[in-house]
Amino acid sequence: MKKVTTPLTKQARVKLKCGEEVLLSGTIYTARDAAHKELVRLINEKKKLPFELKDAVIYYAGPTPERADGSFGSCGPTTSSRMDKFTPALLDKGIAATIGKGSRSPVARNSIKKNKAIYFLAIGGAGAYLAKRITSSVTIAFKKLGPEAIYKLKVKDLPLIVGIDSGGCDIYA
């Protein structure tokens, strides 16, 4: 497996190929439907965003409540297609990659290719295992959204598959 770290620069992204297995380490951010809606609202209103989007990675996940030791019980991927209507706005602002499960719409696929971004697949149903790859977490935005808040996660060797590469090759095609 290829080791990849964040921030995920364009030079690193273009080297990743569809179907390739990777171990991702570094900082990533969780965001699901409600958080995406808020991020796009902030972009449209030209307001300050809760984190730097350039070369960042968004994980489509809503972690379970933290345990007393600060760890998650589960942090698995959610269905990516629900975020497709928000994807172009975020990729156009610099998001390097997204992590989720399932296929993407033509709009999302075209935006991934246009922006030389990456779509990573995480193993669905393995949220407890994936949570063990999280070394730290902190809620950074939209706390009122509960598990749909944005969490800043540090991950070590998160196992992923390149689902759509920067050239537009789609593993589902």
N, C-alpha and C. Protein backbone atom coordinates (compact mmCIF):
# COMPACT_ATOMS: atom_id res chain seq x y z
N MET A 1 0.85 -1.19 0.00
CA MET A 1 0.00 0.00 0.00
C MET A 1 0.89 1.24 0.00
N LYS A 2 0.43 2.26 -0.72
CA LYS A 2 1.17 3.51 -0.81
C LYS A 2 0.82 4.38 0.40
N LYS A 3 1.83 4.98 1.02
CA LYS A 3 1.60 5.89 2.15
C LYS A 3 1.44 7.30 1.60
N VAL A 4 0.39 7.98 2.08
CA VAL A 4 0.05 9.32 1.62
C VAL A 4 -0.19 10.17 2.87
N THR A 5 0.25 11.43 2.83
CA THR A 5 0.05 12.33 3.96
C THR A 5 -0.65 13.61 3.52
N THR A 6 -1.30 14.23 4.51
CA THR A 6 -1.93 15.52 4.27
C THR A 6 -0.97 16.61 4.74
N PRO A 7 -1.08 17.83 4.19
CA PRO A 7 -2.00 18.24 3.15
C PRO A 7 -1.69 17.50 1.85
N LEU A 8 -2.74 17.25 1.08
CA LEU A 8 -2.64 16.45 -0.14
C LEU A 8 -2.48 17.39 -1.33
N THR A 9 -1.23 17.64 -1.68
CA THR A 9 -0.92 18.60 -2.75
C THR A 9 -1.32 18.04 -4.12
N LYS A 10 -1.43 18.93 -5.08
CA LYS A 10 -1.76 18.53 -6.44
C LYS A 10 -0.70 17.56 -6.98
N GLN A 11 0.58 17.81 -6.65
CA GLN A 11 1.65 16.92 -7.11
C GLN A 11 1.45 15.50 -6.58
N ALA A 12 1.00 15.37 -5.34
CA ALA A 12 0.75 14.05 -4.75
C ALA A 12 -0.50 13.42 -5.35
N ARG A 13 -1.52 14.23 -5.60
CA ARG A 13 -2.79 13.71 -6.12
C ARG A 13 -2.64 13.10 -7.51
N VAL A 14 -1.89 13.75 -8.37
CA VAL A 14 -1.80 13.25 -9.75
C VAL A 14 -1.04 11.92 -9.82
N LYS A 15 -0.32 11.56 -8.79
CA LYS A 15 0.41 10.28 -8.76
C LYS A 15 -0.49 9.11 -8.34
N LEU A 16 -1.65 9.42 -7.76
CA LEU A 16 -2.56 8.36 -7.29
C LEU A 16 -3.44 7.89 -8.44
N LYS A 17 -3.60 6.58 -8.54
CA LYS A 17 -4.35 6.00 -9.65
C LYS A 17 -5.55 5.20 -9.15
N CYS A 18 -6.59 5.22 -9.95
CA CYS A 18 -7.84 4.54 -9.67
C CYS A 18 -7.58 3.08 -9.27
N GLY A 19 -8.17 2.65 -8.14
CA GLY A 19 -8.03 1.29 -7.65
C GLY A 19 -6.84 1.08 -6.73
N GLU A 20 -5.98 2.07 -6.63
CA GLU A 20 -4.79 1.95 -5.78
C GLU A 20 -5.18 1.99 -4.31
N GLU A 21 -4.54 1.14 -3.51
CA GLU A 21 -4.77 1.13 -2.06
C GLU A 21 -3.75 2.04 -1.39
N VAL A 22 -4.22 2.86 -0.45
CA VAL A 22 -3.35 3.80 0.24
C VAL A 22 -3.58 3.75 1.74
N LEU A 23 -2.58 4.23 2.46
CA LEU A 23 -2.68 4.47 3.91
C LEU A 23 -2.50 5.96 4.11
N LEU A 24 -3.55 6.65 4.54
CA LEU A 24 -3.53 8.10 4.69
C LEU A 24 -3.22 8.48 6.13
N SER A 25 -2.29 9.41 6.30
CA SER A 25 -1.95 9.93 7.62
C SER A 25 -1.96 11.45 7.57
N GLY A 26 -2.28 12.07 8.72
CA GLY A 26 -2.29 13.52 8.81
C GLY A 26 -3.62 14.03 9.32
N THR A 27 -3.94 15.26 8.98
CA THR A 27 -5.17 15.92 9.42
C THR A 27 -6.24 15.79 8.34
N ILE A 28 -7.44 15.37 8.77
CA ILE A 28 -8.61 15.35 7.89
C ILE A 28 -9.78 15.96 8.67
N TYR A 29 -10.85 16.28 7.97
CA TYR A 29 -12.01 16.91 8.60
C TYR A 29 -13.27 16.12 8.26
N THR A 30 -14.10 15.87 9.27
CA THR A 30 -15.38 15.22 9.00
C THR A 30 -16.39 16.27 8.57
N ALA A 31 -17.28 15.87 7.68
CA ALA A 31 -18.39 16.74 7.29
C ALA A 31 -19.43 15.89 6.57
N ARG A 32 -20.65 15.99 7.03
CA ARG A 32 -21.77 15.31 6.38
C ARG A 32 -22.71 16.35 5.80
N ASP A 33 -23.92 15.96 5.48
CA ASP A 33 -24.89 16.81 4.78
C ASP A 33 -25.05 18.20 5.40
N ALA A 34 -25.38 18.23 6.69
CA ALA A 34 -25.67 19.51 7.35
C ALA A 34 -24.44 20.42 7.37
N ALA A 35 -23.27 19.85 7.64
CA ALA A 35 -22.04 20.65 7.66
C ALA A 35 -21.71 21.16 6.26
N HIS A 36 -21.94 20.33 5.24
CA HIS A 36 -21.70 20.78 3.87
C HIS A 36 -22.59 21.97 3.52
N LYS A 37 -23.84 21.89 3.93
CA LYS A 37 -24.77 22.98 3.66
C LYS A 37 -24.25 24.27 4.31
N GLU A 38 -23.75 24.17 5.53
CA GLU A 38 -23.23 25.35 6.23
C GLU A 38 -21.95 25.87 5.57
N LEU A 39 -21.06 24.97 5.16
CA LEU A 39 -19.82 25.41 4.50
C LEU A 39 -20.13 26.16 3.21
N VAL A 40 -21.04 25.62 2.40
CA VAL A 40 -21.39 26.28 1.14
C VAL A 40 -22.08 27.61 1.40
N ARG A 41 -22.89 27.67 2.45
CA ARG A 41 -23.51 28.96 2.82
C ARG A 41 -22.43 29.98 3.14
N LEU A 42 -21.44 29.60 3.92
CA LEU A 42 -20.34 30.51 4.28
C LEU A 42 -19.57 30.95 3.03
N ILE A 43 -19.32 30.01 2.12
CA ILE A 43 -18.63 30.35 0.87
C ILE A 43 -19.45 31.37 0.08
N ASN A 44 -20.74 31.11 -0.06
CA ASN A 44 -21.61 32.02 -0.83
C ASN A 44 -21.71 33.40 -0.19
N GLU A 45 -21.67 33.44 1.15
CA GLU A 45 -21.74 34.72 1.86
C GLU A 45 -20.36 35.35 2.04
N LYS A 46 -19.33 34.70 1.48
CA LYS A 46 -17.95 35.20 1.56
C LYS A 46 -17.51 35.42 3.01
N LYS A 47 -17.89 34.48 3.87
CA LYS A 47 -17.52 34.54 5.29
C LYS A 47 -16.34 33.61 5.56
N LYS A 48 -15.72 33.81 6.70
CA LYS A 48 -14.57 33.00 7.12
C LYS A 48 -15.00 31.55 7.33
N LEU A 49 -14.18 30.65 6.80
CA LEU A 49 -14.45 29.22 6.93
C LEU A 49 -13.75 28.67 8.17
N PRO A 50 -14.25 27.58 8.73
CA PRO A 50 -13.68 27.05 9.97
C PRO A 50 -12.33 26.36 9.81
N PHE A 51 -11.92 26.07 8.58
CA PHE A 51 -10.59 25.51 8.34
C PHE A 51 -10.16 25.86 6.93
N GLU A 52 -8.86 25.78 6.68
CA GLU A 52 -8.29 26.08 5.37
C GLU A 52 -8.65 24.96 4.40
N LEU A 53 -9.32 25.29 3.30
CA LEU A 53 -9.76 24.28 2.35
C LEU A 53 -8.65 23.81 1.41
N LYS A 54 -7.68 24.66 1.13
CA LYS A 54 -6.63 24.30 0.16
C LYS A 54 -5.91 23.03 0.59
N ASP A 55 -5.96 22.04 -0.28
CA ASP A 55 -5.28 20.75 -0.11
C ASP A 55 -5.80 19.93 1.08
N ALA A 56 -6.98 20.28 1.59
CA ALA A 56 -7.56 19.56 2.73
C ALA A 56 -8.35 18.34 2.26
N VAL A 57 -8.60 17.44 3.20
CA VAL A 57 -9.35 16.21 2.93
C VAL A 57 -10.59 16.19 3.82
N ILE A 58 -11.74 15.96 3.22
CA ILE A 58 -12.99 15.84 3.97
C ILE A 58 -13.43 14.38 3.99
N TYR A 59 -13.74 13.91 5.19
CA TYR A 59 -14.22 12.55 5.41
C TYR A 59 -15.71 12.62 5.66
N TYR A 60 -16.49 12.00 4.79
CA TYR A 60 -17.94 11.98 4.94
C TYR A 60 -18.29 11.00 6.06
N ALA A 61 -18.23 11.50 7.28
CA ALA A 61 -18.46 10.64 8.44
C ALA A 61 -19.10 11.46 9.54
N GLY A 62 -19.90 10.79 10.33
CA GLY A 62 -20.47 11.37 11.53
C GLY A 62 -20.11 10.46 12.69
N PRO A 63 -19.02 10.76 13.39
CA PRO A 63 -18.57 9.85 14.43
C PRO A 63 -19.58 9.70 15.56
N THR A 64 -19.55 8.54 16.19
CA THR A 64 -20.39 8.34 17.36
C THR A 64 -19.86 9.22 18.49
N PRO A 65 -20.66 9.45 19.53
CA PRO A 65 -20.17 10.29 20.63
C PRO A 65 -18.85 9.78 21.20
N GLU A 66 -18.03 10.74 21.62
CA GLU A 66 -16.73 10.39 22.17
C GLU A 66 -16.89 9.65 23.51
N ARG A 67 -15.96 8.74 23.75
CA ARG A 67 -15.89 8.04 25.03
C ARG A 67 -15.17 8.95 26.02
N ALA A 68 -15.12 8.54 27.27
CA ALA A 68 -14.46 9.33 28.31
C ALA A 68 -12.99 9.59 27.98
N ASP A 69 -12.35 8.64 27.27
CA ASP A 69 -10.94 8.81 26.92
C ASP A 69 -10.74 9.68 25.67
N GLY A 70 -11.84 10.17 25.08
CA GLY A 70 -11.76 11.05 23.92
C GLY A 70 -11.79 10.33 22.59
N SER A 71 -11.80 9.00 22.60
CA SER A 71 -11.83 8.25 21.35
C SER A 71 -13.26 8.02 20.88
N PHE A 72 -13.40 7.67 19.62
CA PHE A 72 -14.70 7.37 19.06
C PHE A 72 -14.98 5.88 19.16
N GLY A 73 -16.25 5.54 19.31
CA GLY A 73 -16.63 4.15 19.25
C GLY A 73 -16.69 3.70 17.80
N SER A 74 -17.05 4.60 16.90
CA SER A 74 -17.15 4.27 15.48
C SER A 74 -17.02 5.55 14.66
N CYS A 75 -16.38 5.41 13.50
CA CYS A 75 -16.23 6.57 12.61
C CYS A 75 -16.10 6.06 11.18
N GLY A 76 -17.20 5.50 10.69
CA GLY A 76 -17.21 4.94 9.34
C GLY A 76 -17.76 5.92 8.32
N PRO A 77 -17.55 5.61 7.04
CA PRO A 77 -17.99 6.49 5.97
C PRO A 77 -19.50 6.46 5.77
N THR A 78 -20.03 7.58 5.30
CA THR A 78 -21.43 7.64 4.92
C THR A 78 -21.51 7.71 3.39
N THR A 79 -22.70 7.53 2.87
CA THR A 79 -22.91 7.52 1.42
C THR A 79 -22.57 8.87 0.81
N SER A 80 -21.61 8.85 -0.09
CA SER A 80 -21.05 10.08 -0.66
C SER A 80 -22.01 10.85 -1.56
N SER A 81 -22.88 10.15 -2.25
CA SER A 81 -23.74 10.83 -3.23
C SER A 81 -24.61 11.91 -2.59
N ARG A 82 -24.85 11.81 -1.28
CA ARG A 82 -25.66 12.84 -0.61
C ARG A 82 -24.93 14.19 -0.58
N MET A 83 -23.61 14.18 -0.73
CA MET A 83 -22.82 15.41 -0.72
C MET A 83 -22.55 15.94 -2.12
N ASP A 84 -22.98 15.23 -3.15
CA ASP A 84 -22.62 15.58 -4.52
C ASP A 84 -23.03 16.99 -4.93
N LYS A 85 -24.18 17.47 -4.45
CA LYS A 85 -24.61 18.82 -4.85
C LYS A 85 -23.71 19.91 -4.26
N PHE A 86 -22.98 19.57 -3.19
CA PHE A 86 -22.08 20.54 -2.55
C PHE A 86 -20.63 20.40 -3.04
N THR A 87 -20.33 19.28 -3.66
CA THR A 87 -18.94 18.95 -4.02
C THR A 87 -18.28 20.00 -4.91
N PRO A 88 -18.90 20.45 -6.01
CA PRO A 88 -18.20 21.42 -6.87
C PRO A 88 -17.78 22.70 -6.13
N ALA A 89 -18.63 23.23 -5.28
CA ALA A 89 -18.29 24.48 -4.57
C ALA A 89 -17.07 24.28 -3.67
N LEU A 90 -16.99 23.13 -3.01
CA LEU A 90 -15.87 22.88 -2.10
C LEU A 90 -14.58 22.55 -2.86
N LEU A 91 -14.68 21.76 -3.92
CA LEU A 91 -13.49 21.46 -4.71
C LEU A 91 -12.95 22.70 -5.39
N ASP A 92 -13.86 23.55 -5.88
CA ASP A 92 -13.43 24.81 -6.51
C ASP A 92 -12.68 25.71 -5.54
N LYS A 93 -12.92 25.56 -4.25
CA LYS A 93 -12.24 26.36 -3.22
C LYS A 93 -10.98 25.69 -2.69
N GLY A 94 -10.64 24.51 -3.24
CA GLY A 94 -9.34 23.93 -2.90
C GLY A 94 -9.34 22.58 -2.22
N ILE A 95 -10.49 22.03 -1.86
CA ILE A 95 -10.49 20.71 -1.24
C ILE A 95 -9.77 19.74 -2.17
N ALA A 96 -8.85 18.96 -1.61
CA ALA A 96 -8.03 18.05 -2.41
C ALA A 96 -8.67 16.69 -2.60
N ALA A 97 -9.39 16.23 -1.57
CA ALA A 97 -9.95 14.89 -1.63
C ALA A 97 -11.12 14.76 -0.69
N THR A 98 -11.97 13.81 -1.02
CA THR A 98 -13.07 13.44 -0.14
C THR A 98 -12.98 11.94 0.10
N ILE A 99 -13.53 11.52 1.24
CA ILE A 99 -13.53 10.10 1.61
C ILE A 99 -14.97 9.71 1.93
N GLY A 100 -15.42 8.63 1.33
CA GLY A 100 -16.77 8.16 1.61
C GLY A 100 -16.96 6.75 1.10
N LYS A 101 -18.22 6.44 0.79
CA LYS A 101 -18.51 5.13 0.21
C LYS A 101 -19.55 5.31 -0.90
N GLY A 102 -19.48 4.44 -1.89
CA GLY A 102 -20.44 4.46 -2.98
C GLY A 102 -20.00 5.31 -4.15
N SER A 103 -20.77 5.20 -5.22
CA SER A 103 -20.45 5.91 -6.46
C SER A 103 -20.84 7.39 -6.34
N ARG A 104 -20.33 8.17 -7.29
CA ARG A 104 -20.58 9.61 -7.34
C ARG A 104 -21.37 9.95 -8.59
N SER A 105 -22.08 11.06 -8.53
CA SER A 105 -22.87 11.54 -9.67
C SER A 105 -21.95 12.09 -10.76
N PRO A 106 -22.46 12.25 -11.98
CA PRO A 106 -21.65 12.87 -13.03
C PRO A 106 -21.16 14.27 -12.64
N VAL A 107 -21.98 15.04 -11.94
CA VAL A 107 -21.58 16.39 -11.51
C VAL A 107 -20.35 16.31 -10.59
N ALA A 108 -20.38 15.42 -9.62
CA ALA A 108 -19.25 15.26 -8.69
C ALA A 108 -18.03 14.73 -9.43
N ARG A 109 -18.21 13.70 -10.27
CA ARG A 109 -17.08 13.13 -11.01
C ARG A 109 -16.40 14.18 -11.88
N ASN A 110 -17.21 14.98 -12.57
CA ASN A 110 -16.64 16.02 -13.43
C ASN A 110 -15.89 17.06 -12.63
N SER A 111 -16.39 17.41 -11.45
CA SER A 111 -15.72 18.38 -10.59
C SER A 111 -14.41 17.82 -10.04
N ILE A 112 -14.41 16.54 -9.70
CA ILE A 112 -13.18 15.89 -9.23
C ILE A 112 -12.11 15.96 -10.32
N LYS A 113 -12.49 15.62 -11.53
CA LYS A 113 -11.54 15.68 -12.66
C LYS A 113 -11.09 17.11 -12.94
N LYS A 114 -12.02 18.04 -13.00
CA LYS A 114 -11.71 19.45 -13.29
C LYS A 114 -10.71 20.02 -12.29
N ASN A 115 -10.88 19.66 -11.02
CA ASN A 115 -10.05 20.21 -9.96
C ASN A 115 -8.84 19.33 -9.61
N LYS A 116 -8.64 18.26 -10.39
CA LYS A 116 -7.53 17.33 -10.11
C LYS A 116 -7.56 16.87 -8.66
N ALA A 117 -8.76 16.56 -8.20
CA ALA A 117 -8.97 16.09 -6.83
C ALA A 117 -8.99 14.55 -6.82
N ILE A 118 -9.25 13.99 -5.67
CA ILE A 118 -9.31 12.54 -5.48
C ILE A 118 -10.56 12.21 -4.69
N TYR A 119 -11.17 11.08 -5.02
CA TYR A 119 -12.24 10.52 -4.20
C TYR A 119 -11.75 9.19 -3.67
N PHE A 120 -11.60 9.12 -2.36
CA PHE A 120 -11.17 7.88 -1.70
C PHE A 120 -12.38 7.11 -1.20
N LEU A 121 -12.28 5.80 -1.26
CA LEU A 121 -13.29 4.93 -0.70
C LEU A 121 -12.79 4.37 0.62
N ALA A 122 -13.65 4.41 1.64
CA ALA A 122 -13.36 3.77 2.92
C ALA A 122 -14.28 2.56 3.03
N ILE A 123 -13.90 1.61 3.83
CA ILE A 123 -14.66 0.38 3.97
C ILE A 123 -15.93 0.64 4.78
N GLY A 124 -17.09 0.46 4.13
CA GLY A 124 -18.36 0.60 4.83
C GLY A 124 -18.55 -0.55 5.81
N GLY A 125 -19.17 -0.27 6.95
CA GLY A 125 -19.41 -1.30 7.95
C GLY A 125 -18.23 -1.58 8.86
N ALA A 126 -17.14 -0.82 8.68
CA ALA A 126 -15.93 -1.04 9.47
C ALA A 126 -15.60 0.18 10.32
N GLY A 127 -16.63 0.91 10.77
CA GLY A 127 -16.41 2.16 11.50
C GLY A 127 -15.62 2.01 12.78
N ALA A 128 -15.82 0.92 13.52
CA ALA A 128 -15.07 0.71 14.76
C ALA A 128 -13.59 0.48 14.45
N TYR A 129 -13.31 -0.29 13.40
CA TYR A 129 -11.92 -0.51 12.98
C TYR A 129 -11.29 0.80 12.51
N LEU A 130 -11.98 1.55 11.67
CA LEU A 130 -11.43 2.80 11.15
C LEU A 130 -11.18 3.80 12.27
N ALA A 131 -12.02 3.80 13.30
CA ALA A 131 -11.85 4.73 14.42
C ALA A 131 -10.53 4.49 15.15
N LYS A 132 -10.02 3.27 15.08
CA LYS A 132 -8.74 2.96 15.73
C LYS A 132 -7.58 3.65 15.03
N ARG A 133 -7.82 4.15 13.83
CA ARG A 133 -6.78 4.87 13.07
C ARG A 133 -6.78 6.37 13.40
N ILE A 134 -7.72 6.80 14.25
CA ILE A 134 -7.79 8.21 14.66
C ILE A 134 -6.95 8.37 15.92
N THR A 135 -5.97 9.28 15.87
CA THR A 135 -5.09 9.49 17.02
C THR A 135 -5.52 10.68 17.87
N SER A 136 -6.29 11.60 17.29
CA SER A 136 -6.84 12.71 18.07
C SER A 136 -8.01 13.33 17.32
N SER A 137 -8.86 14.01 18.08
CA SER A 137 -10.00 14.68 17.46
C SER A 137 -10.42 15.88 18.30
N VAL A 138 -10.97 16.87 17.59
CA VAL A 138 -11.52 18.04 18.25
C VAL A 138 -12.64 18.58 17.37
N THR A 139 -13.73 18.99 17.99
CA THR A 139 -14.82 19.62 17.25
C THR A 139 -14.38 21.05 16.93
N ILE A 140 -14.46 21.43 15.65
CA ILE A 140 -14.00 22.78 15.28
C ILE A 140 -15.10 23.69 14.75
N ALA A 141 -16.26 23.11 14.38
CA ALA A 141 -17.32 23.97 13.84
C ALA A 141 -18.67 23.29 13.92
N PHE A 142 -19.70 24.11 14.03
CA PHE A 142 -21.09 23.67 14.00
C PHE A 142 -21.41 22.63 15.07
N LYS A 143 -20.92 22.87 16.28
CA LYS A 143 -21.11 21.93 17.39
C LYS A 143 -22.58 21.58 17.60
N LYS A 144 -23.46 22.54 17.32
CA LYS A 144 -24.90 22.31 17.51
C LYS A 144 -25.43 21.17 16.64
N LEU A 145 -24.67 20.79 15.62
CA LEU A 145 -25.09 19.71 14.72
C LEU A 145 -24.79 18.32 15.28
N GLY A 146 -24.20 18.26 16.47
CA GLY A 146 -23.90 16.96 17.09
C GLY A 146 -22.92 16.16 16.25
N PRO A 147 -23.27 14.91 15.91
CA PRO A 147 -22.34 14.09 15.14
C PRO A 147 -22.09 14.63 13.73
N GLU A 148 -22.94 15.56 13.28
CA GLU A 148 -22.72 16.17 11.97
C GLU A 148 -21.88 17.44 12.05
N ALA A 149 -21.36 17.75 13.23
CA ALA A 149 -20.44 18.87 13.37
C ALA A 149 -19.16 18.55 12.59
N ILE A 150 -18.32 19.54 12.42
CA ILE A 150 -17.04 19.29 11.77
C ILE A 150 -16.01 18.99 12.85
N TYR A 151 -15.39 17.83 12.70
CA TYR A 151 -14.32 17.40 13.59
C TYR A 151 -13.00 17.47 12.83
N LYS A 152 -11.97 17.94 13.50
CA LYS A 152 -10.61 17.88 12.97
C LYS A 152 -10.00 16.61 13.54
N LEU A 153 -9.66 15.69 12.66
CA LEU A 153 -9.10 14.41 13.08
C LEU A 153 -7.65 14.30 12.65
N LYS A 154 -6.86 13.69 13.49
CA LYS A 154 -5.51 13.26 13.12
C LYS A 154 -5.62 11.76 12.92
N VAL A 155 -5.18 11.29 11.76
CA VAL A 155 -5.26 9.87 11.46
C VAL A 155 -3.87 9.32 11.15
N LYS A 156 -3.72 8.04 11.42
CA LYS A 156 -2.46 7.35 11.13
C LYS A 156 -2.80 6.08 10.37
N ASP A 157 -2.34 6.02 9.12
CA ASP A 157 -2.51 4.84 8.27
C ASP A 157 -3.97 4.42 8.10
N LEU A 158 -4.82 5.39 7.76
CA LEU A 158 -6.23 5.12 7.46
C LEU A 158 -6.28 4.40 6.11
N PRO A 159 -6.79 3.15 6.06
CA PRO A 159 -6.78 2.40 4.81
C PRO A 159 -7.90 2.85 3.86
N LEU A 160 -7.50 3.21 2.64
CA LEU A 160 -8.44 3.73 1.64
C LEU A 160 -8.12 3.17 0.27
N ILE A 161 -9.06 3.31 -0.65
CA ILE A 161 -8.87 2.94 -2.05
C ILE A 161 -9.18 4.17 -2.89
N VAL A 162 -8.38 4.42 -3.91
CA VAL A 162 -8.65 5.54 -4.81
C VAL A 162 -9.85 5.13 -5.67
N GLY A 163 -10.99 5.77 -5.42
CA GLY A 163 -12.23 5.48 -6.15
C GLY A 163 -12.33 6.25 -7.45
N ILE A 164 -11.92 7.51 -7.42
CA ILE A 164 -11.83 8.35 -8.63
C ILE A 164 -10.51 9.10 -8.53
N ASP A 165 -9.69 8.97 -9.56
CA ASP A 165 -8.41 9.65 -9.52
C ASP A 165 -8.51 11.04 -10.17
N SER A 166 -7.41 11.77 -10.11
CA SER A 166 -7.39 13.16 -10.59
C SER A 166 -7.63 13.28 -12.09
N GLY A 167 -7.47 12.19 -12.82
CA GLY A 167 -7.74 12.19 -14.26
C GLY A 167 -9.16 11.81 -14.59
N GLY A 168 -9.96 11.47 -13.57
CA GLY A 168 -11.36 11.13 -13.78
C GLY A 168 -11.65 9.64 -13.89
N CYS A 169 -10.63 8.78 -13.80
CA CYS A 169 -10.87 7.34 -13.84
C CYS A 169 -11.69 6.95 -12.60
N ASP A 170 -12.82 6.27 -12.84
CA ASP A 170 -13.77 5.92 -11.79
C ASP A 170 -13.82 4.41 -11.62
N ILE A 171 -13.53 3.93 -10.42
CA ILE A 171 -13.52 2.50 -10.13
C ILE A 171 -14.87 1.85 -10.40
N TYR A 172 -15.94 2.63 -10.34
CA TYR A 172 -17.28 2.09 -10.57
C TYR A 172 -17.64 1.99 -12.06
N ALA A 173 -16.84 2.64 -12.91
CA ALA A 173 -17.16 2.66 -14.35
C ALA A 173 -16.82 1.31 -15.00
